[in-house]
Each structure stands twice: as structure tokens, then as C-alpha cells.
Amino acid sequence: MANTIASRRSSQAKPRLLIVDDDPLITDSLAFVLASDFEVEVRDSRSQAMSLLREGKFAPDLALIDLGLPPLTDQPTEGFKLVGDLLGWSSAIRILVLSGQNEQSNARRARALGAADLVPKPCEPRRLRDMLLAQLGEIEPRDSSLDDALLIGESSAMRKLKSQIDLYAASTFPTLIEGESGSGKERVAQSLHQLSPRANLPFLALNCAAISANLVEATLFGHAKGAFTGANAAKAGYFEDAGDGTLFLDEIGELPMDLQPKLLRVLENGEFQRLGETQSRHARARIIAATNRDLRAEVKAGRFRADLYHRLSVLSISMPPLRELGEDKLRLLDAFSVSYSAQHNAKPFSLDDAARQAWLQYGFPGNVRELKNIVIRLTAKYSGYQVSAADLAQEFEIPTDKQQSVSAFDPKAQIMQSALFRLESKLADVELAYIDAAIEIAAGNMTQAAKILGVSRSTLYSRLDSLRPTQRSVTPEVE
């Protein structure tokens, strides 16, 4: 049935939309305003909707359904069943759920069952039209960029992730997001906020690794006038500015040890003090933290407090790396290509069959961040053209000769095959290969690369300086 939808969409002018709601005022008005853009069929119950589909005369691309359907219109039971029935009929159908302010928990459960998006009641007709068309990829969501959208992907790993987000969104408990660099941890934090009752309140994000250690406390908690040199006026910190909203603490594993007890106190009883003050203040924001480090290992090594770890991870989400997401790599490619082409008034590029296979097979060590950067480069270089596998290979991070020599390490063979073997030169090649690999894994973040290698950042730069005269220069740091 999904193939039927796909083939019909290629030749049909209007997408087909099924509306299921038992309120004729709603269905009549929606059918009227959407008729110019969609072929609309209206039904008032789950049984009628499924009877229509079984007749085989109408194969909808989209469904817009209310959860409160007959015979129990004050309960969401029939709506939940209909979501499952529709996806059982065709996994390609995109389902949007009508959601009232008092139905947020039900709507989140519908998303966990497979609904693609929520439509608040009342919804302005043009916004509803744009939401529907955006589900088909025909337009970008109005007044928003792709970077602000919810997570893209339909793989089993992404469905599990979305289900966790739906389950945890309304909670007030701290949530810890763990995953590799570039895998989209901040996007998950934004999704938790957008699907929560705090969605209209502030969402503030602080990267704990991006600011100096001696400024973290004042940044988080604020400071009094004269608390330190340059503090010419009192200033609120992130906890106060977040108010009743959400505070996202990225790279929480980089939080200095002397500040960890203060954060623990906020999480336990909400109390904190501005730097230079004795007055206690109260934090109300929900805390979401993220890390690309193994905090359990950090706890065992004595670099992170066990009690803080357990307090942060009341709810825990594990981000799947991009290499495990299969066809989602292509969905992300298509979505970013359309978005960046529109931003730059350029025609989207396309991949030939061999290039698409290469795209699926590539591991993307930098995860979604790397994928986005590749799409940006391809948009700039191949706008309106088809990209071959050979073209695409130039954009991928492929092993250098030095890295390949490390993976095929055979000292005896290398010495015998070299007419002029020099140990110092060979060790420099190996060292630089490992440094290159760490920088690649950290997506250019030198602080993270140093941690991967188990050295300080200053030591990493020192080693690069010593290798640079006879080797190549290092890529500028990306923080």
C-alpha cells in the first residue's frame, strides 16, 4: 500500500487528506479551507475511516484526527486505536493529531504510537496547511528553520528516541542525554522543551566546556556587584533567567569539581546563591544535561561526583549514532538539501544510485554535524546537478596513508621494505595519525580531542607544533 501511495503521489496534483472528527463544525470548516490544496475525505469515527480505506478507492497521504471519537468522545481510546490502525494499513501515511490544551499528555502518547506531529486547537488555517504540506516535504515549516524542527528519522532507533521524548517531556525531573559528539543532543533537549507544558517559557542553553572554568559559577548563578574584578553591576545567572522554563547544560562532564556540589544543591532543593552574596535564591527551571563522555567511568575515576550523576540521570536518554540509523541518513540528506538550497536560492543537488549507496554505507564519524557540513558543501558545489560516487568520495573523511599504515602495523616489514628507515620520522607519523583521528572524532573540537587522547589541551597543541614543521598544519579549532 505504501508503494501505491508513493507512485500515486508522483502523478497526482493534490495530496490526499483524511480528516476524522465527530464535530461537523470542525470537519466542514477544515474541508472548506483545505480543499484548494488537498483532496479531502471526512469521516466521523474510527470504523468509518477504516471502512473507507478498505474500499480501496482512497489512499490518503495524510490523516488529521481527533483523539476523542465515538462511541466514547470524552476519552482518547478510539483515537489511539485509529493511529495504530492507520499505520498498520500503511506505514507511509503521516498522521497529525488535533490537540487541546488539556490533552497534552494524550497527544504525547499519540506521538509515541507513531503520530508525526501535534496540531493545537484552535489552529490558524494557513499554519495548518503548512504543517500538512511540510509533512510531505513539499514546503519547509513556515516561520521556522530546519535546525529548529523536531528530530528527523523513521528508523526503529529514532522511533524509540521519539517515544522516550514523548514520555519524558512533561516531567519536571532532571534528564541526562548521553551520546557521541554531533549526534543531536541539543535537538533532543529542544524537543523535550517544545513538547512540554513549558514550551512558551524560556529555553536557555549553556555549554559548560565553552567558557572559562573561573566564569562558570557566575554564569550559572549570577553575581553581586564587586564580586570580582570587572563586576561593575549585579547580574542574574542562567538559573534565574530561565525562570520556570528549561535550562540545558551541555557538556556537563566538563563542570569543575568545586562547582559540582553547588549544582547538586540546586537539583536537590532548588537553592543557590549569586557569587558574592549570602542571600539564598530559588531555581524553578527544569534541568536537562548532556554529555559525550561516559559519566559512569568519570565517577569511577573520581572526576565526577556519584551523587550528582545519580541526581542528573533520574531520566536518561541515549542518543543513537548516525551510523546506526540506516535509511535515516537519506532522510536527513534530503531534508537538509531542500532547506539549505532554499536559504541560498539555489537548486537542490541529487545523488546518483551509486552515490546514494555510498552515502548509506558511510559511517559519519562526526554524526549529524558532519552530515550537515557535507550537505552544505555539496549545495555550494553541485547546485542543480547530480553528484556521482566519485564526487561524493571527495567529501568523505577517508583514512590517510599514515592512518592506513597504523591499521596495518607490521614493524618488521616496514623496516625491511624501507631503504632509509628513521625511527623518529616513523613515530611522528604514527603520533600525527592518532592526533588526526582524535580531532576527526571530536569534529574539530581540540578540547575534546585532548580528552580522547588522555592529554591536556596545551600538550596537544605543543605536540602539533613540534610535528608541524615536517607535517601538515592542523585545522582551526571548532568549539
Protein backbone atom coordinates (compact mmCIF):
# COMPACT_ATOMS: atom_id res chain seq x y z
CA MET A 1 0.00 0.00 0.00
CA ALA A 2 2.89 2.35 0.74
CA ASN A 3 4.15 1.82 -2.82
CA THR A 4 0.70 2.70 -4.11
CA ILE A 5 0.86 5.98 -2.23
CA ALA A 6 4.36 6.75 -3.49
CA SER A 7 3.51 6.04 -7.13
CA ARG A 8 0.26 7.99 -6.98
CA ARG A 9 1.96 10.98 -5.36
CA SER A 10 4.31 11.26 -8.33
CA SER A 11 1.42 11.74 -10.77
CA GLN A 12 -1.32 13.35 -8.67
CA ALA A 13 -1.64 17.12 -8.38
CA LYS A 14 -3.13 17.24 -4.90
CA PRO A 15 -2.17 15.19 -1.82
CA ARG A 16 -4.98 13.16 -0.29
CA LEU A 17 -6.04 14.09 3.24
CA LEU A 18 -8.30 12.09 5.57
CA ILE A 19 -9.95 14.10 8.38
CA VAL A 20 -11.52 12.14 11.25
CA ASP A 21 -13.54 14.14 13.79
CA ASP A 22 -17.10 13.83 15.04
CA ASP A 23 -17.70 17.61 15.21
CA PRO A 24 -19.27 18.71 11.89
CA LEU A 25 -18.41 22.35 12.53
CA ILE A 26 -14.72 21.44 12.63
CA THR A 27 -14.75 19.00 9.72
CA ASP A 28 -16.84 21.24 7.44
CA SER A 29 -14.64 24.27 8.04
CA LEU A 30 -11.39 22.30 7.64
CA ALA A 31 -12.61 20.61 4.46
CA PHE A 32 -13.57 24.01 3.03
CA VAL A 33 -10.30 25.83 3.75
CA LEU A 34 -8.06 22.89 2.74
CA ALA A 35 -9.91 21.87 -0.44
CA SER A 36 -7.74 24.07 -2.66
CA ASP A 37 -4.56 22.24 -1.62
CA PHE A 38 -5.78 18.73 -0.78
CA GLU A 39 -8.21 16.09 -1.93
CA VAL A 40 -10.17 15.77 1.31
CA GLU A 41 -12.30 12.94 2.69
CA VAL A 42 -14.09 13.35 6.04
CA ARG A 43 -15.23 10.64 8.43
CA ASP A 44 -16.57 10.91 11.99
CA SER A 45 -15.38 7.64 13.58
CA ARG A 46 -12.62 5.06 13.52
CA SER A 47 -14.86 2.42 11.96
CA GLN A 48 -15.97 4.72 9.13
CA ALA A 49 -12.37 5.81 8.45
CA MET A 50 -11.10 2.24 8.18
CA SER A 51 -14.09 1.20 6.04
CA LEU A 52 -13.15 3.96 3.59
CA LEU A 53 -9.59 2.68 3.35
CA ARG A 54 -10.63 -0.94 2.94
CA GLU A 55 -12.77 0.02 -0.05
CA GLY A 56 -9.51 0.84 -1.83
CA LYS A 57 -10.79 3.97 -3.58
CA PHE A 58 -9.00 6.50 -1.35
CA ALA A 59 -5.35 6.11 -0.27
CA PRO A 60 -4.51 9.11 1.93
CA ASP A 61 -1.05 10.58 2.21
CA LEU A 62 -2.04 12.37 5.41
CA ALA A 63 -4.53 11.93 8.22
CA LEU A 64 -5.73 14.64 10.60
CA ILE A 65 -7.54 13.02 13.53
CA ASP A 66 -9.12 13.96 16.82
CA LEU A 67 -8.50 11.61 19.72
CA GLY A 68 -11.97 11.89 21.20
CA LEU A 69 -14.03 9.79 18.77
CA PRO A 70 -17.30 7.85 19.14
CA PRO A 71 -18.50 5.93 20.98
CA LEU A 72 -16.59 7.47 23.92
CA THR A 73 -15.88 11.01 22.78
CA ASP A 74 -14.62 12.11 26.20
CA GLN A 75 -11.84 9.51 26.15
CA PRO A 76 -8.86 9.09 23.76
CA THR A 77 -9.21 5.32 23.37
CA GLU A 78 -10.62 5.31 19.83
CA GLY A 79 -8.13 7.91 18.68
CA PHE A 80 -5.20 5.84 19.93
CA LYS A 81 -6.59 2.76 18.19
CA LEU A 82 -7.02 4.72 14.96
CA VAL A 83 -3.38 5.81 14.99
CA GLY A 84 -2.36 2.15 15.17
CA ASP A 85 -4.90 1.09 12.53
CA LEU A 86 -3.75 3.73 10.06
CA LEU A 87 -0.06 2.87 10.46
CA GLY A 88 -0.94 -0.83 10.16
CA TRP A 89 -2.72 -0.07 6.89
CA SER A 90 0.31 1.88 5.61
CA SER A 91 3.49 2.89 7.42
CA ALA A 92 3.90 5.69 4.84
CA ILE A 93 0.88 7.69 5.99
CA ARG A 94 1.66 10.80 8.05
CA ILE A 95 -0.70 11.30 10.99
CA LEU A 96 -1.32 14.63 12.71
CA VAL A 97 -3.31 14.70 15.95
CA LEU A 98 -5.62 17.53 16.94
CA SER A 99 -4.69 18.52 20.49
CA GLY A 100 -6.43 20.77 23.01
CA GLN A 101 -4.59 22.44 25.89
CA ASN A 102 -5.99 19.92 28.36
CA GLU A 103 -4.98 16.94 26.19
CA GLN A 104 -1.20 17.32 26.07
CA SER A 105 -0.44 14.01 27.77
CA ASN A 106 -2.79 12.18 25.40
CA ALA A 107 -1.24 13.89 22.40
CA ARG A 108 2.24 12.90 23.54
CA ARG A 109 1.10 9.30 23.82
CA ALA A 110 -0.25 9.50 20.27
CA ARG A 111 3.21 10.63 19.12
CA ALA A 112 4.73 7.68 20.94
CA LEU A 113 2.38 5.41 18.98
CA GLY A 114 3.61 6.86 15.71
CA ALA A 115 1.76 10.13 15.06
CA ALA A 116 4.05 12.54 13.20
CA ASP A 117 3.01 15.85 14.78
CA LEU A 118 0.53 17.66 17.02
CA VAL A 119 -1.90 20.35 15.87
CA PRO A 120 -3.05 22.68 18.65
CA LYS A 121 -6.71 23.73 18.82
CA PRO A 122 -7.61 26.20 17.53
CA CYS A 123 -5.15 26.29 14.64
CA GLU A 124 -4.96 29.11 12.10
CA PRO A 125 -5.84 27.59 8.67
CA ARG A 126 -2.70 28.71 6.87
CA ARG A 127 -0.49 27.31 9.61
CA LEU A 128 -2.39 24.01 9.46
CA ARG A 129 -1.95 23.89 5.67
CA ASP A 130 1.79 24.49 6.04
CA MET A 131 2.11 21.82 8.73
CA LEU A 132 0.39 19.30 6.47
CA LEU A 133 2.46 20.12 3.39
CA ALA A 134 5.66 20.13 5.45
CA GLN A 135 4.97 16.51 6.40
CA LEU A 136 5.14 15.64 2.70
CA GLY A 137 8.35 17.60 2.21
CA GLU A 138 6.65 19.97 -0.25
CA ILE A 139 7.49 23.07 1.80
CA GLU A 140 9.54 23.90 4.84
CA PRO A 141 7.53 24.69 8.00
CA ARG A 142 6.57 28.37 7.90
CA ASP A 143 8.48 30.80 10.13
CA SER A 144 10.93 28.17 11.29
CA SER A 145 14.23 26.75 10.09
CA LEU A 146 15.11 23.10 9.83
CA ASP A 147 17.51 23.47 12.74
CA ASP A 148 14.54 24.36 14.97
CA ALA A 149 12.41 21.42 13.83
CA LEU A 150 11.94 18.23 15.77
CA LEU A 151 14.10 15.19 15.09
CA ILE A 152 14.12 13.74 11.58
CA GLY A 153 14.03 9.98 11.07
CA GLU A 154 11.79 6.92 10.95
CA SER A 155 14.23 4.12 11.84
CA SER A 156 13.48 1.91 14.83
CA ALA A 157 16.19 3.70 16.84
CA MET A 158 14.66 7.09 16.07
CA ARG A 159 11.16 5.87 16.86
CA LYS A 160 12.42 4.66 20.23
CA LEU A 161 14.11 8.02 20.82
CA LYS A 162 10.94 9.95 19.93
CA SER A 163 8.93 7.69 22.21
CA GLN A 164 11.27 8.47 25.11
CA ILE A 165 11.00 12.19 24.40
CA ASP A 166 7.21 11.97 24.42
CA LEU A 167 7.23 10.06 27.71
CA TYR A 168 9.67 12.42 29.46
CA ALA A 169 8.61 15.80 28.03
CA ALA A 170 6.03 16.67 30.70
CA SER A 171 8.23 15.57 33.60
CA THR A 172 9.87 18.05 35.96
CA PHE A 173 12.70 15.65 36.83
CA PRO A 174 16.28 16.23 35.58
CA THR A 175 17.12 14.41 32.36
CA LEU A 176 20.56 13.28 31.16
CA ILE A 177 21.18 12.92 27.40
CA GLU A 178 24.21 10.80 26.53
CA GLY A 179 25.68 10.38 23.06
CA GLU A 180 28.55 10.98 20.70
CA SER A 181 29.63 14.46 19.64
CA GLY A 182 27.45 15.83 16.84
CA SER A 183 24.63 13.30 17.34
CA GLY A 184 21.97 15.91 18.12
CA LYS A 185 21.77 16.06 21.91
CA GLU A 186 20.73 19.72 21.94
CA ARG A 187 17.99 18.94 19.41
CA VAL A 188 16.61 16.36 21.85
CA ALA A 189 16.71 18.90 24.68
CA GLN A 190 14.81 21.38 22.49
CA SER A 191 12.25 18.71 21.65
CA LEU A 192 11.72 17.91 25.33
CA HIS A 193 11.10 21.59 25.93
CA GLN A 194 8.82 22.14 22.92
CA LEU A 195 6.60 19.18 23.83
CA SER A 196 6.37 20.15 27.50
CA PRO A 197 3.95 22.47 29.31
CA ARG A 198 6.93 24.89 29.47
CA ALA A 199 7.06 25.29 25.68
CA ASN A 200 6.15 29.00 25.78
CA LEU A 201 8.70 29.71 28.53
CA PRO A 202 12.46 30.32 28.10
CA PHE A 203 14.82 27.64 26.84
CA LEU A 204 18.40 28.53 27.76
CA ALA A 205 21.46 26.52 26.76
CA LEU A 206 24.94 26.70 28.29
CA ASN A 207 27.94 24.76 27.02
CA CYS A 208 29.99 24.04 30.13
CA ALA A 209 33.09 23.35 28.03
CA ALA A 210 32.91 26.61 26.09
CA ILE A 211 33.54 29.06 28.94
CA SER A 212 36.44 29.55 31.28
CA ALA A 213 36.30 27.49 34.49
CA ASN A 214 36.52 30.64 36.65
CA LEU A 215 33.45 32.11 34.92
CA VAL A 216 31.16 29.08 35.13
CA GLU A 217 29.84 29.83 38.63
CA ALA A 218 28.98 33.47 37.87
CA THR A 219 27.42 32.45 34.57
CA LEU A 220 25.21 29.82 36.15
CA PHE A 221 24.26 31.51 39.41
CA GLY A 222 24.84 35.21 38.73
CA HIS A 223 26.97 37.61 40.75
CA ALA A 224 26.76 40.64 43.02
CA LYS A 225 28.30 43.99 42.20
CA GLY A 226 32.00 43.90 43.01
CA ALA A 227 32.09 40.10 43.37
CA PHE A 228 35.18 40.02 41.15
CA THR A 229 37.23 42.35 39.01
CA GLY A 230 35.04 43.75 36.27
CA ALA A 231 31.74 43.01 38.05
CA ASN A 232 30.54 46.61 37.85
CA ALA A 233 26.90 45.68 38.40
CA ALA A 234 24.90 42.82 39.81
CA LYS A 235 23.80 40.30 37.22
CA ALA A 236 21.44 37.33 37.18
CA GLY A 237 22.72 33.95 36.00
CA TYR A 238 21.21 31.26 33.82
CA PHE A 239 19.17 29.72 36.63
CA GLU A 240 17.35 32.99 37.26
CA ASP A 241 16.98 33.90 33.60
CA ALA A 242 15.48 30.51 32.79
CA GLY A 243 12.65 31.19 35.25
CA ASP A 244 10.03 28.45 35.01
CA GLY A 245 11.40 27.29 31.66
CA THR A 246 14.17 24.84 30.76
CA LEU A 247 17.91 25.10 31.38
CA PHE A 248 20.06 22.90 29.15
CA LEU A 249 23.59 22.23 30.44
CA ASP A 250 25.62 20.82 27.57
CA GLU A 251 28.93 19.01 28.17
CA ILE A 252 28.07 18.62 31.85
CA GLY A 253 31.07 16.33 32.25
CA GLU A 254 33.31 19.41 31.96
CA LEU A 255 31.82 21.08 35.05
CA PRO A 256 34.66 21.81 37.53
CA MET A 257 34.68 19.58 40.62
CA ASP A 258 34.38 22.53 43.00
CA LEU A 259 31.10 23.59 41.36
CA GLN A 260 29.50 20.16 41.32
CA PRO A 261 28.29 20.34 44.97
CA LYS A 262 26.60 23.68 44.22
CA LEU A 263 24.78 22.23 41.23
CA LEU A 264 23.79 19.22 43.32
CA ARG A 265 22.27 21.55 45.92
CA VAL A 266 20.16 23.25 43.25
CA LEU A 267 18.93 19.91 41.98
CA GLU A 268 18.07 18.67 45.46
CA ASN A 269 16.28 21.68 46.96
CA GLY A 270 16.37 24.42 44.33
CA GLU A 271 18.60 26.73 46.39
CA PHE A 272 21.57 28.71 45.10
CA GLN A 273 23.39 31.96 45.78
CA ARG A 274 24.78 34.57 43.47
CA LEU A 275 28.55 34.83 43.59
CA GLY A 276 29.41 37.37 46.29
CA GLU A 277 26.02 37.16 48.04
CA THR A 278 24.74 35.31 51.09
CA GLN A 279 21.06 35.55 50.16
CA SER A 280 19.57 32.25 49.01
CA ARG A 281 17.55 32.21 45.82
CA HIS A 282 15.31 29.52 44.41
CA ALA A 283 15.58 27.93 40.95
CA ARG A 284 12.41 26.72 39.23
CA ALA A 285 13.68 25.65 35.80
CA ARG A 286 13.74 22.08 34.65
CA ILE A 287 17.32 20.86 34.18
CA ILE A 288 18.40 18.88 31.12
CA ALA A 289 22.07 17.91 30.87
CA ALA A 290 24.07 16.31 28.08
CA THR A 291 27.49 14.72 27.70
CA ASN A 292 29.56 12.81 25.15
CA ARG A 293 31.63 11.29 27.95
CA ASP A 294 30.97 8.12 29.92
CA LEU A 295 30.00 9.68 33.25
CA ARG A 296 30.00 6.30 34.98
CA ALA A 297 33.67 5.94 34.08
CA GLU A 298 34.26 9.54 35.18
CA VAL A 299 32.67 8.73 38.55
CA LYS A 300 34.93 5.68 38.99
CA ALA A 301 37.96 7.81 38.08
CA GLY A 302 36.98 10.42 40.68
CA ARG A 303 36.40 13.19 38.14
CA PHE A 304 32.64 13.41 38.61
CA ARG A 305 30.54 13.15 41.76
CA ALA A 306 28.47 9.98 42.03
CA ASP A 307 25.62 11.76 43.84
CA LEU A 308 25.43 14.44 41.13
CA TYR A 309 25.44 11.80 38.41
CA HIS A 310 22.54 9.94 40.02
CA ARG A 311 20.61 13.20 40.50
CA LEU A 312 21.12 14.26 36.89
CA SER A 313 20.18 10.86 35.45
CA VAL A 314 16.78 10.43 37.11
CA LEU A 315 15.62 10.17 33.49
CA SER A 316 18.18 9.11 30.90
CA ILE A 317 18.19 9.22 27.09
CA SER A 318 20.84 7.55 24.94
CA MET A 319 21.42 9.11 21.51
CA PRO A 320 21.95 6.62 18.66
CA PRO A 321 24.97 7.45 16.46
CA LEU A 322 24.18 8.25 12.84
CA ARG A 323 25.97 5.13 11.58
CA GLU A 324 23.19 3.03 13.17
CA LEU A 325 20.26 4.88 11.59
CA GLY A 326 20.19 3.29 8.12
CA GLU A 327 17.75 5.00 5.74
CA ASP A 328 17.52 7.99 8.07
CA LYS A 329 20.84 9.11 6.55
CA LEU A 330 18.97 9.67 3.27
CA ARG A 331 16.04 11.38 5.00
CA LEU A 332 18.44 13.80 6.65
CA LEU A 333 20.25 14.33 3.35
CA ASP A 334 17.02 15.20 1.54
CA ALA A 335 15.74 17.44 4.32
CA PHE A 336 18.95 19.44 4.72
CA SER A 337 19.41 19.70 0.96
CA VAL A 338 15.98 21.26 0.47
CA SER A 339 16.49 23.57 3.45
CA TYR A 340 19.94 24.89 2.52
CA SER A 341 19.03 25.25 -1.15
CA ALA A 342 16.03 27.39 -0.19
CA GLN A 343 18.15 29.51 2.14
CA HIS A 344 20.62 30.30 -0.65
CA ASN A 345 18.15 30.48 -3.57
CA ALA A 346 19.88 27.51 -5.19
CA LYS A 347 18.59 24.36 -6.83
CA PRO A 348 18.95 21.18 -4.75
CA PHE A 349 21.57 18.67 -5.86
CA SER A 350 20.83 14.97 -6.26
CA LEU A 351 22.85 11.77 -5.85
CA ASP A 352 23.06 9.05 -8.48
CA ASP A 353 22.35 5.47 -7.41
CA ALA A 354 25.99 4.65 -6.66
CA ALA A 355 26.39 7.82 -4.62
CA ARG A 356 23.26 7.06 -2.60
CA GLN A 357 24.65 3.62 -1.78
CA ALA A 358 27.96 5.19 -0.75
CA TRP A 359 26.03 7.65 1.43
CA LEU A 360 24.25 4.79 3.18
CA GLN A 361 27.48 2.86 3.72
CA TYR A 362 29.50 5.78 5.09
CA GLY A 363 29.90 5.79 8.89
CA PHE A 364 29.72 9.58 9.51
CA PRO A 365 32.12 9.68 12.47
CA GLY A 366 31.05 13.29 13.09
CA ASN A 367 27.37 12.24 13.10
CA VAL A 368 24.66 14.73 12.07
CA ARG A 369 27.03 17.69 12.38
CA GLU A 370 29.30 16.15 9.76
CA LEU A 371 26.36 15.24 7.52
CA LYS A 372 25.09 18.84 7.59
CA ASN A 373 28.51 20.19 6.67
CA ILE A 374 28.79 17.79 3.75
CA VAL A 375 25.34 18.83 2.50
CA ILE A 376 26.33 22.50 2.72
CA ARG A 377 29.45 21.84 0.63
CA LEU A 378 27.54 19.78 -1.93
CA THR A 379 24.89 22.51 -2.21
CA ALA A 380 27.59 25.09 -2.90
CA LYS A 381 29.49 22.94 -5.42
CA TYR A 382 26.76 20.95 -7.22
CA SER A 383 23.59 23.08 -7.11
CA GLY A 384 21.13 21.69 -9.66
CA TYR A 385 23.46 18.82 -10.64
CA GLN A 386 23.68 15.11 -9.94
CA VAL A 387 26.53 14.03 -7.67
CA SER A 388 28.43 10.86 -8.53
CA ALA A 389 30.04 8.43 -6.11
CA ALA A 390 33.46 9.77 -7.13
CA ASP A 391 32.34 13.34 -6.39
CA LEU A 392 30.94 12.27 -3.05
CA ALA A 393 34.10 10.42 -2.05
CA GLN A 394 35.95 13.75 -2.10
CA GLU A 395 33.68 14.99 0.71
CA PHE A 396 34.03 11.98 2.98
CA GLU A 397 36.67 11.69 5.68
CA ILE A 398 38.78 8.85 4.29
CA PRO A 399 41.82 7.28 6.02
CA THR A 400 45.13 8.90 5.10
CA ASP A 401 48.17 6.86 4.14
CA LYS A 402 49.53 7.43 7.66
CA GLN A 403 46.31 6.15 9.26
CA GLN A 404 46.30 3.11 6.99
CA SER A 405 49.88 2.35 7.98
CA VAL A 406 48.82 2.33 11.63
CA SER A 407 45.93 -0.06 10.98
CA ALA A 408 48.31 -2.41 9.14
CA PHE A 409 51.08 -2.19 11.72
CA ASP A 410 53.97 -4.52 10.86
CA PRO A 411 57.30 -3.11 12.16
CA LYS A 412 59.49 -5.86 10.72
CA ALA A 413 58.05 -5.49 7.22
CA GLN A 414 58.28 -1.71 7.34
CA ILE A 415 61.96 -1.77 8.36
CA MET A 416 62.87 -4.33 5.68
CA GLN A 417 60.95 -2.52 2.95
CA SER A 418 62.47 0.88 3.72
CA ALA A 419 65.86 1.75 2.26
CA LEU A 420 66.26 4.61 4.75
CA PHE A 421 64.27 3.85 7.89
CA ARG A 422 64.19 6.59 10.56
CA LEU A 423 62.54 5.77 13.88
CA GLU A 424 61.91 9.42 14.77
CA SER A 425 60.10 10.08 11.50
CA LYS A 426 58.04 6.89 11.79
CA LEU A 427 56.98 7.70 15.37
CA ALA A 428 55.99 11.21 14.27
CA ASP A 429 53.81 9.73 11.51
CA VAL A 430 52.08 7.40 13.96
CA GLU A 431 51.58 10.14 16.55
CA LEU A 432 50.11 12.51 13.99
CA ALA A 433 47.80 9.77 12.70
CA TYR A 434 46.36 9.27 16.18
CA ILE A 435 46.02 13.03 16.69
CA ASP A 436 44.24 13.35 13.33
CA ALA A 437 41.87 10.53 14.29
CA ALA A 438 41.03 12.13 17.65
CA ILE A 439 40.40 15.55 16.04
CA GLU A 440 38.13 13.88 13.46
CA ILE A 441 36.18 12.02 16.14
CA ALA A 442 35.80 15.28 18.11
CA ALA A 443 34.62 17.11 14.96
CA GLY A 444 37.45 19.64 15.26
CA ASN A 445 36.97 20.39 18.98
CA MET A 446 40.54 20.43 20.32
CA THR A 447 39.44 20.27 23.95
CA GLN A 448 37.54 17.05 23.28
CA ALA A 449 40.36 15.67 21.12
CA ALA A 450 42.79 16.17 24.00
CA LYS A 451 40.46 14.28 26.36
CA ILE A 452 40.18 11.41 23.88
CA LEU A 453 43.96 11.16 23.73
CA GLY A 454 44.36 11.46 27.51
CA VAL A 455 46.50 14.60 27.38
CA SER A 456 45.95 18.23 28.25
CA ARG A 457 44.93 20.69 25.57
CA SER A 458 48.23 22.56 25.93
CA THR A 459 50.13 19.28 25.46
CA LEU A 460 48.13 18.54 22.31
CA TYR A 461 48.97 21.94 20.83
CA SER A 462 52.61 21.51 21.85
CA ARG A 463 52.83 18.15 20.08
CA LEU A 464 51.23 19.60 16.95
CA ASP A 465 53.68 22.50 16.99
CA SER A 466 56.60 20.07 17.16
CA LEU A 467 55.19 17.99 14.28
CA ARG A 468 54.09 20.88 12.07
CA PRO A 469 57.47 21.78 10.51
CA THR A 470 57.64 18.47 8.65
CA GLN A 471 53.95 17.62 8.63
CA ARG A 472 50.76 19.40 7.66
CA SER A 473 49.01 22.11 9.63
CA VAL A 474 46.07 21.43 11.88
CA THR A 475 42.53 22.50 11.08
CA PRO A 476 41.40 25.52 13.17
CA GLU A 477 39.52 24.51 16.28
CA VAL A 478 35.75 24.25 16.23
CA GLU A 479 34.18 24.76 19.64
